[in-house]
């Protein structure tokens, strides 16, 4: 059974940092591209950052220079380091694993940036 589980969300002040983790099981992790998406209230889900099986990364323009995605294939885990957080980063953050047309989503973790 495939499981994708996010952790690390919470409440942080503007300018602060958080690191999200996403642990995947039931898949051959190293073959999968991984991504972080987010959905704010009343808005569509959007891509935040992605990382291929080979380690290439891409980012939404709104987070470039502030967020870093990385993966540890030995731990079947992908991370999202978020620095210089802004109130507009407030959203539920979701992890996605993808191999071809096969996708698995996590349940999401809430990130709230507020003073």
N, C-alpha and C. Protein backbone atom coordinates (compact mmCIF):
# COMPACT_ATOMS: atom_id res chain seq x y z
N UNK A 1 0.84 -1.19 0.00
CA UNK A 1 0.00 0.00 0.00
C UNK A 1 0.89 1.25 0.00
N UNK A 2 0.58 2.17 -0.89
CA UNK A 2 1.37 3.38 -1.00
C UNK A 2 0.91 4.39 0.04
N UNK A 3 1.88 4.99 0.72
CA UNK A 3 1.59 6.06 1.66
C UNK A 3 2.53 7.22 1.41
N UNK A 4 1.97 8.41 1.42
CA UNK A 4 2.74 9.65 1.30
C UNK A 4 2.30 10.52 2.46
N UNK A 5 3.22 10.82 3.37
CA UNK A 5 2.86 11.48 4.62
C UNK A 5 3.73 12.71 4.83
N UNK A 6 3.05 13.86 4.92
CA UNK A 6 3.75 15.13 5.16
C UNK A 6 3.83 15.42 6.66
N UNK A 7 4.85 16.17 7.03
CA UNK A 7 4.98 16.63 8.41
C UNK A 7 5.80 17.92 8.42
N UNK A 8 5.75 18.62 9.55
CA UNK A 8 6.58 19.80 9.73
C UNK A 8 5.87 21.12 9.62
N UNK A 9 4.59 21.11 9.31
CA UNK A 9 3.86 22.37 9.23
C UNK A 9 3.65 22.98 10.60
N UNK A 10 3.12 24.20 10.59
CA UNK A 10 2.85 24.88 11.85
C UNK A 10 2.67 26.36 11.66
N UNK A 11 2.70 27.05 12.79
CA UNK A 11 2.56 28.51 12.81
C UNK A 11 3.94 29.14 12.95
N UNK A 12 4.24 30.10 12.10
CA UNK A 12 5.54 30.77 12.13
C UNK A 12 5.32 32.26 11.85
N UNK A 13 6.17 33.08 12.42
CA UNK A 13 6.09 34.52 12.18
C UNK A 13 6.68 34.88 10.82
N UNK A 14 6.24 35.97 10.25
CA UNK A 14 6.84 36.43 8.99
C UNK A 14 8.36 36.57 9.13
N UNK A 15 9.07 36.12 8.11
CA UNK A 15 10.52 36.11 8.15
C UNK A 15 11.12 34.85 8.72
N UNK A 16 10.28 33.99 9.29
CA UNK A 16 10.76 32.76 9.89
C UNK A 16 10.97 31.65 8.89
N UNK A 17 11.32 30.48 9.42
CA UNK A 17 11.62 29.31 8.60
C UNK A 17 10.87 28.09 9.10
N UNK A 18 10.62 27.19 8.18
CA UNK A 18 10.07 25.86 8.49
C UNK A 18 10.68 24.88 7.51
N UNK A 19 10.78 23.63 7.93
CA UNK A 19 11.17 22.56 7.03
C UNK A 19 10.08 21.51 7.01
N UNK A 20 9.53 21.29 5.84
CA UNK A 20 8.54 20.24 5.66
C UNK A 20 9.23 18.96 5.22
N UNK A 21 8.68 17.85 5.67
CA UNK A 21 9.17 16.53 5.25
C UNK A 21 8.02 15.74 4.64
N UNK A 22 8.36 14.90 3.71
CA UNK A 22 7.37 14.01 3.09
C UNK A 22 8.00 12.63 2.98
N UNK A 23 7.45 11.69 3.71
CA UNK A 23 7.95 10.32 3.69
C UNK A 23 7.03 9.46 2.85
N UNK A 24 7.61 8.72 1.92
CA UNK A 24 6.83 7.86 1.03
C UNK A 24 7.18 6.40 1.30
N UNK A 25 6.18 5.54 1.24
CA UNK A 25 6.40 4.11 1.39
C UNK A 25 5.53 3.37 0.38
N UNK A 26 5.93 2.15 0.08
CA UNK A 26 5.17 1.35 -0.87
C UNK A 26 5.51 1.64 -2.32
N UNK A 27 6.51 2.47 -2.55
CA UNK A 27 6.98 2.75 -3.91
C UNK A 27 8.50 2.64 -3.94
N UNK A 28 9.04 2.47 -5.16
CA UNK A 28 10.50 2.52 -5.32
C UNK A 28 10.85 3.99 -5.45
N UNK A 29 11.12 4.60 -4.31
CA UNK A 29 11.17 6.05 -4.19
C UNK A 29 12.13 6.68 -5.20
N UNK A 30 13.27 6.07 -5.38
CA UNK A 30 14.32 6.72 -6.19
C UNK A 30 13.91 6.91 -7.65
N UNK A 31 12.88 6.18 -8.09
CA UNK A 31 12.43 6.29 -9.48
C UNK A 31 11.42 7.42 -9.67
N UNK A 32 10.87 7.93 -8.56
CA UNK A 32 9.76 8.86 -8.62
C UNK A 32 10.22 10.32 -8.59
N UNK A 33 9.59 11.14 -9.42
CA UNK A 33 9.67 12.58 -9.24
C UNK A 33 8.78 12.95 -8.05
N UNK A 34 9.20 13.98 -7.32
CA UNK A 34 8.46 14.42 -6.14
C UNK A 34 8.18 15.90 -6.24
N UNK A 35 7.07 16.31 -5.68
CA UNK A 35 6.74 17.72 -5.73
C UNK A 35 6.00 18.18 -4.49
N UNK A 36 6.14 19.46 -4.24
CA UNK A 36 5.36 20.12 -3.20
C UNK A 36 4.39 21.09 -3.87
N UNK A 37 3.14 20.99 -3.47
CA UNK A 37 2.09 21.88 -3.94
C UNK A 37 1.48 22.57 -2.72
N UNK A 38 0.75 23.63 -2.96
CA UNK A 38 0.05 24.29 -1.86
C UNK A 38 -1.30 24.81 -2.35
N UNK A 39 -2.20 24.92 -1.39
CA UNK A 39 -3.53 25.44 -1.69
C UNK A 39 -3.96 26.36 -0.56
N UNK A 40 -4.14 27.62 -0.91
CA UNK A 40 -4.63 28.59 0.05
C UNK A 40 -6.15 28.65 -0.05
N UNK A 41 -6.82 29.11 1.00
CA UNK A 41 -8.29 29.19 0.97
C UNK A 41 -8.79 29.99 -0.22
N UNK A 42 -9.73 29.40 -0.96
CA UNK A 42 -10.32 30.08 -2.09
C UNK A 42 -9.47 30.13 -3.34
N UNK A 43 -8.32 29.45 -3.30
CA UNK A 43 -7.43 29.45 -4.45
C UNK A 43 -7.20 28.03 -4.96
N UNK A 44 -6.72 27.96 -6.21
CA UNK A 44 -6.41 26.66 -6.79
C UNK A 44 -5.09 26.13 -6.22
N UNK A 45 -4.96 24.82 -6.25
CA UNK A 45 -3.70 24.20 -5.84
C UNK A 45 -2.62 24.58 -6.86
N UNK A 46 -1.43 24.92 -6.36
CA UNK A 46 -0.36 25.34 -7.25
C UNK A 46 0.94 24.62 -6.90
N UNK A 47 1.77 24.43 -7.93
CA UNK A 47 3.08 23.84 -7.72
C UNK A 47 3.98 24.84 -7.00
N UNK A 48 4.66 24.36 -5.97
CA UNK A 48 5.64 25.17 -5.25
C UNK A 48 7.05 24.81 -5.72
N UNK A 49 7.35 23.51 -5.70
CA UNK A 49 8.69 23.05 -6.09
C UNK A 49 8.62 21.59 -6.48
N UNK A 50 9.50 21.21 -7.41
CA UNK A 50 9.56 19.82 -7.83
C UNK A 50 11.00 19.36 -7.94
N UNK A 51 11.20 18.06 -7.82
CA UNK A 51 12.52 17.48 -7.96
C UNK A 51 12.37 16.15 -8.70
N UNK A 52 13.18 15.98 -9.73
CA UNK A 52 13.11 14.75 -10.52
C UNK A 52 13.84 13.62 -9.82
N UNK A 53 13.73 12.43 -10.40
CA UNK A 53 14.47 11.29 -9.85
C UNK A 53 15.98 11.52 -9.94
N UNK A 54 16.39 12.32 -10.91
CA UNK A 54 17.81 12.62 -11.07
C UNK A 54 18.30 13.80 -10.26
N UNK A 55 17.38 14.47 -9.57
CA UNK A 55 17.78 15.56 -8.69
C UNK A 55 17.61 16.95 -9.27
N UNK A 56 17.10 17.07 -10.49
CA UNK A 56 16.86 18.40 -11.05
C UNK A 56 15.66 19.03 -10.35
N UNK A 57 15.74 20.33 -10.14
CA UNK A 57 14.70 21.02 -9.38
C UNK A 57 14.06 22.15 -10.18
N UNK A 58 12.84 22.47 -9.83
CA UNK A 58 12.19 23.65 -10.38
C UNK A 58 11.32 24.27 -9.29
N UNK A 59 11.11 25.58 -9.41
CA UNK A 59 10.39 26.32 -8.39
C UNK A 59 9.40 27.30 -8.99
N UNK A 60 8.33 27.56 -8.25
CA UNK A 60 7.44 28.66 -8.61
C UNK A 60 8.21 29.97 -8.44
N UNK A 61 7.91 30.93 -9.28
CA UNK A 61 8.62 32.22 -9.20
C UNK A 61 8.46 32.85 -7.82
N UNK A 62 7.32 32.63 -7.20
CA UNK A 62 7.03 33.29 -5.92
C UNK A 62 7.89 32.77 -4.77
N UNK A 63 8.54 31.63 -4.96
CA UNK A 63 9.34 31.06 -3.86
C UNK A 63 10.82 30.95 -4.21
N UNK A 64 11.19 31.28 -5.43
CA UNK A 64 12.59 31.18 -5.83
C UNK A 64 13.47 32.02 -4.92
N UNK A 65 14.58 31.42 -4.48
CA UNK A 65 15.51 32.12 -3.60
C UNK A 65 15.14 32.01 -2.14
N UNK A 66 13.93 31.52 -1.83
CA UNK A 66 13.49 31.39 -0.43
C UNK A 66 13.30 29.93 -0.04
N UNK A 67 12.81 29.12 -0.96
CA UNK A 67 12.52 27.71 -0.68
C UNK A 67 13.53 26.81 -1.38
N UNK A 68 13.83 25.68 -0.77
CA UNK A 68 14.72 24.69 -1.36
C UNK A 68 14.12 23.31 -1.19
N UNK A 69 14.00 22.59 -2.31
CA UNK A 69 13.53 21.22 -2.27
C UNK A 69 14.74 20.29 -2.36
N UNK A 70 14.68 19.19 -1.62
CA UNK A 70 15.76 18.22 -1.67
C UNK A 70 15.18 16.84 -1.38
N UNK A 71 15.94 15.81 -1.68
CA UNK A 71 15.46 14.46 -1.43
C UNK A 71 16.59 13.60 -0.87
N UNK A 72 16.19 12.62 -0.07
CA UNK A 72 17.10 11.64 0.50
C UNK A 72 16.55 10.27 0.12
N UNK A 73 17.10 9.68 -0.91
CA UNK A 73 16.57 8.40 -1.38
C UNK A 73 16.78 7.28 -0.37
N UNK A 74 17.78 7.39 0.46
CA UNK A 74 18.01 6.37 1.48
C UNK A 74 16.91 6.38 2.53
N UNK A 75 16.28 7.53 2.72
CA UNK A 75 15.21 7.65 3.71
C UNK A 75 13.83 7.75 3.08
N UNK A 76 13.76 7.63 1.74
CA UNK A 76 12.47 7.74 1.04
C UNK A 76 11.74 9.02 1.43
N UNK A 77 12.49 10.10 1.51
CA UNK A 77 11.93 11.35 2.01
C UNK A 77 12.33 12.52 1.13
N UNK A 78 11.40 13.44 0.94
CA UNK A 78 11.66 14.70 0.26
C UNK A 78 11.39 15.83 1.24
N UNK A 79 12.19 16.88 1.14
CA UNK A 79 12.10 17.99 2.07
C UNK A 79 11.79 19.29 1.33
N UNK A 80 11.19 20.22 2.06
CA UNK A 80 11.04 21.57 1.55
C UNK A 80 11.48 22.52 2.66
N UNK A 81 12.65 23.13 2.46
CA UNK A 81 13.14 24.12 3.40
C UNK A 81 12.58 25.47 2.98
N UNK A 82 11.86 26.10 3.88
CA UNK A 82 11.20 27.36 3.58
C UNK A 82 11.77 28.45 4.48
N UNK A 83 12.40 29.43 3.87
CA UNK A 83 12.98 30.55 4.60
C UNK A 83 12.28 31.85 4.20
N UNK A 84 12.50 32.87 5.02
CA UNK A 84 11.92 34.20 4.74
C UNK A 84 10.44 34.10 4.43
N UNK A 85 9.73 33.38 5.26
CA UNK A 85 8.31 33.13 5.01
C UNK A 85 7.50 34.41 5.08
N UNK A 86 6.47 34.44 4.22
CA UNK A 86 5.58 35.59 4.11
C UNK A 86 4.15 35.17 4.42
N UNK A 87 3.31 36.09 4.83
CA UNK A 87 1.91 35.72 5.08
C UNK A 87 1.25 35.05 3.86
N UNK A 88 1.65 35.45 2.68
CA UNK A 88 1.06 34.85 1.47
C UNK A 88 1.52 33.42 1.22
N UNK A 89 2.45 32.93 2.02
CA UNK A 89 2.83 31.52 1.94
C UNK A 89 1.88 30.63 2.74
N UNK A 90 0.96 31.23 3.46
CA UNK A 90 -0.01 30.48 4.25
C UNK A 90 -0.86 29.61 3.33
N UNK A 91 -0.89 28.31 3.62
CA UNK A 91 -1.62 27.36 2.78
C UNK A 91 -1.50 25.97 3.39
N UNK A 92 -2.26 25.06 2.84
CA UNK A 92 -2.02 23.65 3.10
C UNK A 92 -1.03 23.17 2.05
N UNK A 93 0.04 22.55 2.50
CA UNK A 93 1.10 22.07 1.62
C UNK A 93 0.95 20.56 1.42
N UNK A 94 0.95 20.16 0.17
CA UNK A 94 0.77 18.76 -0.20
C UNK A 94 2.01 18.22 -0.90
N UNK A 95 2.27 16.97 -0.66
CA UNK A 95 3.36 16.27 -1.32
C UNK A 95 2.80 15.34 -2.38
N UNK A 96 3.49 15.28 -3.50
CA UNK A 96 3.07 14.42 -4.61
C UNK A 96 4.24 13.57 -5.06
N UNK A 97 3.98 12.29 -5.27
CA UNK A 97 4.95 11.43 -5.94
C UNK A 97 4.40 11.09 -7.32
N UNK A 98 5.26 11.08 -8.33
CA UNK A 98 4.79 10.85 -9.69
C UNK A 98 5.79 10.01 -10.46
N UNK A 99 5.25 8.98 -11.14
CA UNK A 99 6.05 8.18 -12.07
C UNK A 99 5.16 7.93 -13.26
N UNK A 100 5.44 8.59 -14.35
CA UNK A 100 4.57 8.51 -15.52
C UNK A 100 3.20 9.05 -15.17
N UNK A 101 2.18 8.25 -15.36
CA UNK A 101 0.81 8.67 -15.06
C UNK A 101 0.37 8.25 -13.66
N UNK A 102 1.25 7.64 -12.91
CA UNK A 102 0.93 7.19 -11.56
C UNK A 102 1.28 8.28 -10.56
N UNK A 103 0.27 8.73 -9.80
CA UNK A 103 0.47 9.79 -8.83
C UNK A 103 -0.09 9.36 -7.47
N UNK A 104 0.59 9.83 -6.44
CA UNK A 104 0.11 9.60 -5.07
C UNK A 104 0.23 10.91 -4.31
N UNK A 105 -0.86 11.34 -3.69
CA UNK A 105 -0.88 12.58 -2.91
C UNK A 105 -0.89 12.28 -1.42
N UNK A 106 -0.26 13.16 -0.67
CA UNK A 106 -0.39 13.12 0.77
C UNK A 106 -1.64 13.87 1.20
N UNK A 107 -1.87 13.85 2.51
CA UNK A 107 -3.07 14.49 3.07
C UNK A 107 -2.87 15.97 3.32
N UNK A 108 -1.64 16.43 3.31
CA UNK A 108 -1.37 17.85 3.48
C UNK A 108 -0.98 18.22 4.89
N UNK A 109 -0.24 19.33 5.00
CA UNK A 109 0.14 19.88 6.30
C UNK A 109 -0.04 21.39 6.24
N UNK A 110 -0.64 21.92 7.28
CA UNK A 110 -0.96 23.35 7.30
C UNK A 110 0.27 24.18 7.66
N UNK A 111 0.51 25.23 6.88
CA UNK A 111 1.53 26.22 7.19
C UNK A 111 0.84 27.57 7.31
N UNK A 112 1.01 28.19 8.45
CA UNK A 112 0.41 29.49 8.70
C UNK A 112 1.51 30.48 9.06
N UNK A 113 1.58 31.57 8.29
CA UNK A 113 2.59 32.60 8.53
C UNK A 113 1.85 33.85 9.03
N UNK A 114 2.04 34.15 10.29
CA UNK A 114 1.30 35.25 10.90
C UNK A 114 2.01 35.74 12.14
N UNK A 115 1.86 37.03 12.39
CA UNK A 115 2.43 37.58 13.61
C UNK A 115 1.38 37.61 14.72
